């Protein structure tokens, strides 16, 4: 969360992927995979690559600008 919230999307992606690969629970793995995709989308946006951005939930940030989302876990 710290890496993502600091805008270190590549590093967050790498750490989340490490966790994702070792998670035996399919539901938890799916959530982590979504966070990996969010980090990748925001990394592409930061690099100016609109073609590399995906995930509809991030459309507001990617298309319309504004601050990236802040992760909040329950």
PDB file of N, CA and C in Angstrom:
ATOM      1  N   UNK A   1       0.827  -1.191   0.000  1.00  0.00           N
ATOM      2  CA  UNK A   1       0.000   0.000   0.000  1.00  0.00           C
ATOM      3  C   UNK A   1       0.866   1.247   0.000  1.00  0.00           C
ATOM      4  N   UNK A   2       1.949   1.213   0.755  1.00  0.00           N
ATOM      5  CA  UNK A   2       2.811   2.391   0.828  1.00  0.00           C
ATOM      6  C   UNK A   2       3.405   2.736  -0.537  1.00  0.00           C
ATOM      7  N   UNK A   3       3.867   1.730  -1.248  1.00  0.00           N
ATOM      8  CA  UNK A   3       4.451   1.972  -2.574  1.00  0.00           C
ATOM      9  C   UNK A   3       3.403   2.526  -3.532  1.00  0.00           C
ATOM     10  N   UNK A   4       2.227   1.918  -3.561  1.00  0.00           N
ATOM     11  CA  UNK A   4       1.145   2.363  -4.442  1.00  0.00           C
ATOM     12  C   UNK A   4       0.757   3.801  -4.115  1.00  0.00           C
ATOM     13  N   UNK A   5       0.528   4.064  -2.843  1.00  0.00           N
ATOM     14  CA  UNK A   5       0.083   5.397  -2.426  1.00  0.00           C
ATOM     15  C   UNK A   5       1.153   6.465  -2.634  1.00  0.00           C
ATOM     16  N   UNK A   6       2.414   6.050  -2.691  1.00  0.00           N
ATOM     17  CA  UNK A   6       3.505   6.993  -2.948  1.00  0.00           C
ATOM     18  C   UNK A   6       3.720   7.223  -4.441  1.00  0.00           C
ATOM     19  N   UNK A   7       2.948   6.510  -5.275  1.00  0.00           N
ATOM     20  CA  UNK A   7       3.094   6.663  -6.711  1.00  0.00           C
ATOM     21  C   UNK A   7       4.210   5.821  -7.294  1.00  0.00           C
ATOM     22  N   UNK A   8       4.743   4.892  -6.511  1.00  0.00           N
ATOM     23  CA  UNK A   8       5.799   3.988  -6.986  1.00  0.00           C
ATOM     24  C   UNK A   8       5.110   2.761  -7.580  1.00  0.00           C
ATOM     25  N   UNK A   9       4.459   2.962  -8.721  1.00  0.00           N
ATOM     26  CA  UNK A   9       3.600   1.933  -9.289  1.00  0.00           C
ATOM     27  C   UNK A   9       4.367   0.710  -9.779  1.00  0.00           C
ATOM     28  N   UNK A  10       5.555   0.899 -10.351  1.00  0.00           N
ATOM     29  CA  UNK A  10       6.328  -0.255 -10.800  1.00  0.00           C
ATOM     30  C   UNK A  10       6.718  -1.121  -9.600  1.00  0.00           C
ATOM     31  N   UNK A  11       7.216  -0.482  -8.561  1.00  0.00           N
ATOM     32  CA  UNK A  11       7.628  -1.216  -7.373  1.00  0.00           C
ATOM     33  C   UNK A  11       6.437  -1.891  -6.705  1.00  0.00           C
ATOM     34  N   UNK A  12       5.310  -1.196  -6.652  1.00  0.00           N
ATOM     35  CA  UNK A  12       4.089  -1.779  -6.078  1.00  0.00           C
ATOM     36  C   UNK A  12       3.657  -2.993  -6.895  1.00  0.00           C
ATOM     37  N   UNK A  13       3.704  -2.860  -8.211  1.00  0.00           N
ATOM     38  CA  UNK A  13       3.355  -3.964  -9.107  1.00  0.00           C
ATOM     39  C   UNK A  13       4.226  -5.183  -8.819  1.00  0.00           C
ATOM     40  N   UNK A  14       5.520  -4.974  -8.690  1.00  0.00           N
ATOM     41  CA  UNK A  14       6.454  -6.073  -8.441  1.00  0.00           C
ATOM     42  C   UNK A  14       6.188  -6.746  -7.102  1.00  0.00           C
ATOM     43  N   UNK A  15       5.975  -5.977  -6.061  1.00  0.00           N
ATOM     44  CA  UNK A  15       5.710  -6.539  -4.731  1.00  0.00           C
ATOM     45  C   UNK A  15       4.378  -7.270  -4.696  1.00  0.00           C
ATOM     46  N   UNK A  16       3.360  -6.664  -5.295  1.00  0.00           N
ATOM     47  CA  UNK A  16       2.048  -7.311  -5.328  1.00  0.00           C
ATOM     48  C   UNK A  16       2.100  -8.614  -6.124  1.00  0.00           C
ATOM     49  N   UNK A  17       2.866  -8.634  -7.196  1.00  0.00           N
ATOM     50  CA  UNK A  17       2.982  -9.854  -7.990  1.00  0.00           C
ATOM     51  C   UNK A  17       3.649 -10.967  -7.186  1.00  0.00           C
ATOM     52  N   UNK A  18       4.641 -10.611  -6.401  1.00  0.00           N
ATOM     53  CA  UNK A  18       5.305 -11.593  -5.541  1.00  0.00           C
ATOM     54  C   UNK A  18       4.303 -12.194  -4.554  1.00  0.00           C
ATOM     55  N   UNK A  19       3.469 -11.361  -3.965  1.00  0.00           N
ATOM     56  CA  UNK A  19       2.447 -11.827  -3.022  1.00  0.00           C
ATOM     57  C   UNK A  19       1.398 -12.666  -3.743  1.00  0.00           C
ATOM     58  N   UNK A  20       0.962 -12.189  -4.908  1.00  0.00           N
ATOM     59  CA  UNK A  20      -0.065 -12.870  -5.692  1.00  0.00           C
ATOM     60  C   UNK A  20       0.352 -14.301  -6.034  1.00  0.00           C
ATOM     61  N   UNK A  21       1.602 -14.475  -6.429  1.00  0.00           N
ATOM     62  CA  UNK A  21       2.099 -15.804  -6.816  1.00  0.00           C
ATOM     63  C   UNK A  21       2.107 -16.792  -5.648  1.00  0.00           C
ATOM     64  N   UNK A  22       2.180 -16.284  -4.429  1.00  0.00           N
ATOM     65  CA  UNK A  22       2.255 -17.180  -3.274  1.00  0.00           C
ATOM     66  C   UNK A  22       0.937 -17.292  -2.512  1.00  0.00           C
ATOM     67  N   UNK A  23      -0.133 -16.714  -3.044  1.00  0.00           N
ATOM     68  CA  UNK A  23      -1.427 -16.732  -2.367  1.00  0.00           C
ATOM     69  C   UNK A  23      -2.237 -17.944  -2.810  1.00  0.00           C
ATOM     70  N   UNK A  24      -2.543 -18.863  -1.889  1.00  0.00           N
ATOM     71  CA  UNK A  24      -3.295 -20.056  -2.262  1.00  0.00           C
ATOM     72  C   UNK A  24      -4.798 -19.817  -2.421  1.00  0.00           C
ATOM     73  N   UNK A  25      -5.324 -18.775  -1.807  1.00  0.00           N
ATOM     74  CA  UNK A  25      -6.762 -18.490  -1.849  1.00  0.00           C
ATOM     75  C   UNK A  25      -7.125 -17.787  -3.155  1.00  0.00           C
ATOM     76  N   UNK A  26      -7.994 -18.407  -3.959  1.00  0.00           N
ATOM     77  CA  UNK A  26      -8.353 -17.847  -5.269  1.00  0.00           C
ATOM     78  C   UNK A  26      -9.011 -16.475  -5.166  1.00  0.00           C
ATOM     79  N   UNK A  27      -9.876 -16.286  -4.181  1.00  0.00           N
ATOM     80  CA  UNK A  27     -10.541 -14.993  -4.019  1.00  0.00           C
ATOM     81  C   UNK A  27      -9.563 -13.887  -3.679  1.00  0.00           C
ATOM     82  N   UNK A  28      -8.662 -14.190  -2.768  1.00  0.00           N
ATOM     83  CA  UNK A  28      -7.645 -13.212  -2.390  1.00  0.00           C
ATOM     84  C   UNK A  28      -6.710 -12.926  -3.557  1.00  0.00           C
ATOM     85  N   UNK A  29      -6.361 -13.974  -4.290  1.00  0.00           N
ATOM     86  CA  UNK A  29      -5.477 -13.810  -5.451  1.00  0.00           C
ATOM     87  C   UNK A  29      -6.127 -12.903  -6.496  1.00  0.00           C
ATOM     88  N   UNK A  30      -7.434 -13.020  -6.675  1.00  0.00           N
ATOM     89  CA  UNK A  30      -8.137 -12.176  -7.654  1.00  0.00           C
ATOM     90  C   UNK A  30      -8.103 -10.711  -7.247  1.00  0.00           C
ATOM     91  N   UNK A  31      -8.257 -10.440  -5.967  1.00  0.00           N
ATOM     92  CA  UNK A  31      -8.179  -9.055  -5.482  1.00  0.00           C
ATOM     93  C   UNK A  31      -6.780  -8.498  -5.709  1.00  0.00           C
ATOM     94  N   UNK A  32      -5.776  -9.279  -5.372  1.00  0.00           N
ATOM     95  CA  UNK A  32      -4.389  -8.834  -5.562  1.00  0.00           C
ATOM     96  C   UNK A  32      -4.093  -8.613  -7.038  1.00  0.00           C
ATOM     97  N   UNK A  33      -4.619  -9.480  -7.886  1.00  0.00           N
ATOM     98  CA  UNK A  33      -4.419  -9.313  -9.326  1.00  0.00           C
ATOM     99  C   UNK A  33      -5.037  -8.001  -9.808  1.00  0.00           C
ATOM    100  N   UNK A  34      -6.182  -7.637  -9.275  1.00  0.00           N
ATOM    101  CA  UNK A  34      -6.800  -6.359  -9.618  1.00  0.00           C
ATOM    102  C   UNK A  34      -5.926  -5.182  -9.208  1.00  0.00           C
ATOM    103  N   UNK A  35      -5.303  -5.284  -8.044  1.00  0.00           N
ATOM    104  CA  UNK A  35      -4.407  -4.218  -7.584  1.00  0.00           C
ATOM    105  C   UNK A  35      -3.164  -4.131  -8.479  1.00  0.00           C
ATOM    106  N   UNK A  36      -2.684  -5.286  -8.931  1.00  0.00           N
ATOM    107  CA  UNK A  36      -1.550  -5.306  -9.865  1.00  0.00           C
ATOM    108  C   UNK A  36      -1.935  -4.586 -11.153  1.00  0.00           C
ATOM    109  N   UNK A  37      -3.122  -4.853 -11.646  1.00  0.00           N
ATOM    110  CA  UNK A  37      -3.578  -4.220 -12.879  1.00  0.00           C
ATOM    111  C   UNK A  37      -3.780  -2.723 -12.692  1.00  0.00           C
ATOM    112  N   UNK A  38      -4.261  -2.327 -11.521  1.00  0.00           N
ATOM    113  CA  UNK A  38      -4.416  -0.896 -11.246  1.00  0.00           C
ATOM    114  C   UNK A  38      -3.053  -0.207 -11.235  1.00  0.00           C
ATOM    115  N   UNK A  39      -2.081  -0.829 -10.604  1.00  0.00           N
ATOM    116  CA  UNK A  39      -0.732  -0.250 -10.567  1.00  0.00           C
ATOM    117  C   UNK A  39      -0.153  -0.145 -11.977  1.00  0.00           C
ATOM    118  N   UNK A  40      -0.371  -1.175 -12.785  1.00  0.00           N
ATOM    119  CA  UNK A  40       0.134  -1.148 -14.161  1.00  0.00           C
ATOM    120  C   UNK A  40      -0.533  -0.041 -14.968  1.00  0.00           C
ATOM    121  N   UNK A  41      -1.843   0.111 -14.806  1.00  0.00           N
ATOM    122  CA  UNK A  41      -2.561   1.154 -15.539  1.00  0.00           C
ATOM    123  C   UNK A  41      -2.053   2.539 -15.157  1.00  0.00           C
ATOM    124  N   UNK A  42      -1.851   2.762 -13.882  1.00  0.00           N
ATOM    125  CA  UNK A  42      -1.372   4.068 -13.433  1.00  0.00           C
ATOM    126  C   UNK A  42       0.075   4.311 -13.854  1.00  0.00           C
ATOM    127  N   UNK A  43       0.868   3.257 -13.931  1.00  0.00           N
ATOM    128  CA  UNK A  43       2.240   3.388 -14.434  1.00  0.00           C
ATOM    129  C   UNK A  43       2.212   3.798 -15.902  1.00  0.00           C
ATOM    130  N   UNK A  44       1.357   3.164 -16.692  1.00  0.00           N
ATOM    131  CA  UNK A  44       1.232   3.537 -18.104  1.00  0.00           C
ATOM    132  C   UNK A  44       0.773   4.987 -18.240  1.00  0.00           C
ATOM    133  N   UNK A  45      -0.175   5.368 -17.431  1.00  0.00           N
ATOM    134  CA  UNK A  45      -0.666   6.758 -17.474  1.00  0.00           C
ATOM    135  C   UNK A  45       0.465   7.734 -17.163  1.00  0.00           C
ATOM    136  N   UNK A  46       1.250   7.424 -16.134  1.00  0.00           N
ATOM    137  CA  UNK A  46       2.353   8.305 -15.738  1.00  0.00           C
ATOM    138  C   UNK A  46       3.396   8.425 -16.856  1.00  0.00           C
ATOM    139  N   UNK A  47       3.522   7.384 -17.659  1.00  0.00           N
ATOM    140  CA  UNK A  47       4.473   7.397 -18.777  1.00  0.00           C
ATOM    141  C   UNK A  47       3.869   7.951 -20.059  1.00  0.00           C
ATOM    142  N   UNK A  48       2.594   8.353 -20.002  1.00  0.00           N
ATOM    143  CA  UNK A  48       1.939   8.933 -21.168  1.00  0.00           C
ATOM    144  C   UNK A  48       1.461   7.917 -22.180  1.00  0.00           C
ATOM    145  N   UNK A  49       1.364   6.656 -21.789  1.00  0.00           N
ATOM    146  CA  UNK A  49       0.953   5.589 -22.688  1.00  0.00           C
ATOM    147  C   UNK A  49      -0.525   5.261 -22.463  1.00  0.00           C
ATOM    148  N   UNK A  50      -1.390   5.953 -23.179  1.00  0.00           N
ATOM    149  CA  UNK A  50      -2.825   5.722 -23.019  1.00  0.00           C
ATOM    150  C   UNK A  50      -3.252   4.355 -23.539  1.00  0.00           C
ATOM    151  N   UNK A  51      -2.508   3.776 -24.482  1.00  0.00           N
ATOM    152  CA  UNK A  51      -2.864   2.464 -25.026  1.00  0.00           C
ATOM    153  C   UNK A  51      -2.588   1.353 -24.030  1.00  0.00           C
ATOM    154  N   UNK A  52      -1.692   1.575 -23.090  1.00  0.00           N
ATOM    155  CA  UNK A  52      -1.361   0.555 -22.108  1.00  0.00           C
ATOM    156  C   UNK A  52      -2.261   0.578 -20.892  1.00  0.00           C
ATOM    157  N   UNK A  53      -3.191   1.506 -20.847  1.00  0.00           N
ATOM    158  CA  UNK A  53      -4.064   1.663 -19.689  1.00  0.00           C
ATOM    159  C   UNK A  53      -5.340   0.850 -19.881  1.00  0.00           C
ATOM    160  N   UNK A  54      -5.792   0.231 -18.843  1.00  0.00           N
ATOM    161  CA  UNK A  54      -6.999  -0.579 -18.900  1.00  0.00           C
ATOM    162  C   UNK A  54      -7.734  -0.479 -17.579  1.00  0.00           C
ATOM    163  N   UNK A  55      -8.802  -1.202 -17.466  1.00  0.00           N
ATOM    164  CA  UNK A  55      -9.677  -1.293 -16.309  1.00  0.00           C
ATOM    165  C   UNK A  55     -10.621  -0.096 -16.233  1.00  0.00           C
ATOM    166  N   UNK A  56     -11.835  -0.397 -16.471  1.00  0.00           N
ATOM    167  CA  UNK A  56     -12.892   0.612 -16.511  1.00  0.00           C
ATOM    168  C   UNK A  56     -12.984   1.439 -15.234  1.00  0.00           C
ATOM    169  N   UNK A  57     -12.739   0.813 -14.091  1.00  0.00           N
ATOM    170  CA  UNK A  57     -12.833   1.515 -12.800  1.00  0.00           C
ATOM    171  C   UNK A  57     -11.858   2.678 -12.698  1.00  0.00           C
ATOM    172  N   UNK A  58     -10.794   2.647 -13.493  1.00  0.00           N
ATOM    173  CA  UNK A  58      -9.796   3.718 -13.449  1.00  0.00           C
ATOM    174  C   UNK A  58     -10.025   4.786 -14.520  1.00  0.00           C
ATOM    175  N   UNK A  59     -11.127   4.649 -15.252  1.00  0.00           N
ATOM    176  CA  UNK A  59     -11.388   5.563 -16.363  1.00  0.00           C
ATOM    177  C   UNK A  59     -11.391   7.026 -15.925  1.00  0.00           C
ATOM    178  N   UNK A  60     -12.007   7.335 -14.825  1.00  0.00           N
ATOM    179  CA  UNK A  60     -12.060   8.721 -14.358  1.00  0.00           C
ATOM    180  C   UNK A  60     -10.666   9.302 -14.208  1.00  0.00           C
ATOM    181  N   UNK A  61      -9.778   8.555 -13.604  1.00  0.00           N
ATOM    182  CA  UNK A  61      -8.420   9.038 -13.382  1.00  0.00           C
ATOM    183  C   UNK A  61      -7.640   9.093 -14.688  1.00  0.00           C
ATOM    184  N   UNK A  62      -7.750   8.043 -15.465  1.00  0.00           N
ATOM    185  CA  UNK A  62      -6.953   7.941 -16.682  1.00  0.00           C
ATOM    186  C   UNK A  62      -7.396   8.949 -17.744  1.00  0.00           C
ATOM    187  N   UNK A  63      -8.691   9.040 -17.966  1.00  0.00           N
ATOM    188  CA  UNK A  63      -9.209   9.890 -19.032  1.00  0.00           C
ATOM    189  C   UNK A  63      -9.376  11.332 -18.583  1.00  0.00           C
ATOM    190  N   UNK A  64      -9.906  11.509 -17.388  1.00  0.00           N
ATOM    191  CA  UNK A  64     -10.274  12.848 -16.943  1.00  0.00           C
ATOM    192  C   UNK A  64      -9.248  13.488 -16.018  1.00  0.00           C
ATOM    193  N   UNK A  65      -8.227  12.736 -15.645  1.00  0.00           N
ATOM    194  CA  UNK A  65      -7.203  13.290 -14.768  1.00  0.00           C
ATOM    195  C   UNK A  65      -7.604  13.231 -13.318  1.00  0.00           C
ATOM    196  N   UNK A  66      -6.914  13.970 -12.539  1.00  0.00           N
ATOM    197  CA  UNK A  66      -7.160  13.961 -11.102  1.00  0.00           C
ATOM    198  C   UNK A  66      -6.171  13.045 -10.409  1.00  0.00           C
ATOM    199  N   UNK A  67      -6.243  13.029  -9.103  1.00  0.00           N
ATOM    200  CA  UNK A  67      -5.292  12.212  -8.349  1.00  0.00           C
ATOM    201  C   UNK A  67      -5.578  10.726  -8.513  1.00  0.00           C
ATOM    202  N   UNK A  68      -4.545   9.911  -8.460  1.00  0.00           N
ATOM    203  CA  UNK A  68      -4.771   8.469  -8.529  1.00  0.00           C
ATOM    204  C   UNK A  68      -5.510   8.004  -7.285  1.00  0.00           C
ATOM    205  N   UNK A  69      -6.178   6.874  -7.376  1.00  0.00           N
ATOM    206  CA  UNK A  69      -6.910   6.384  -6.218  1.00  0.00           C
ATOM    207  C   UNK A  69      -5.966   6.004  -5.087  1.00  0.00           C
ATOM    208  N   UNK A  70      -6.470   6.121  -3.883  1.00  0.00           N
ATOM    209  CA  UNK A  70      -5.736   5.714  -2.699  1.00  0.00           C
ATOM    210  C   UNK A  70      -6.270   4.354  -2.278  1.00  0.00           C
ATOM    211  N   UNK A  71      -5.385   3.416  -2.031  1.00  0.00           N
ATOM    212  CA  UNK A  71      -5.832   2.097  -1.602  1.00  0.00           C
ATOM    213  C   UNK A  71      -6.284   2.152  -0.142  1.00  0.00           C
ATOM    214  N   UNK A  72      -7.397   1.535   0.105  1.00  0.00           N
ATOM    215  CA  UNK A  72      -7.911   1.383   1.460  1.00  0.00           C
ATOM    216  C   UNK A  72      -8.370  -0.051   1.610  1.00  0.00           C
ATOM    217  N   UNK A  73      -7.757  -0.771   2.512  1.00  0.00           N
ATOM    218  CA  UNK A  73      -8.140  -2.152   2.733  1.00  0.00           C
ATOM    219  C   UNK A  73      -8.970  -2.254   4.004  1.00  0.00           C
ATOM    220  N   UNK A  74      -9.965  -3.112   3.975  1.00  0.00           N
ATOM    221  CA  UNK A  74     -10.803  -3.303   5.170  1.00  0.00           C
ATOM    222  C   UNK A  74     -10.202  -4.331   6.079  1.00  0.00           C
TER     223      UNK A  74
END
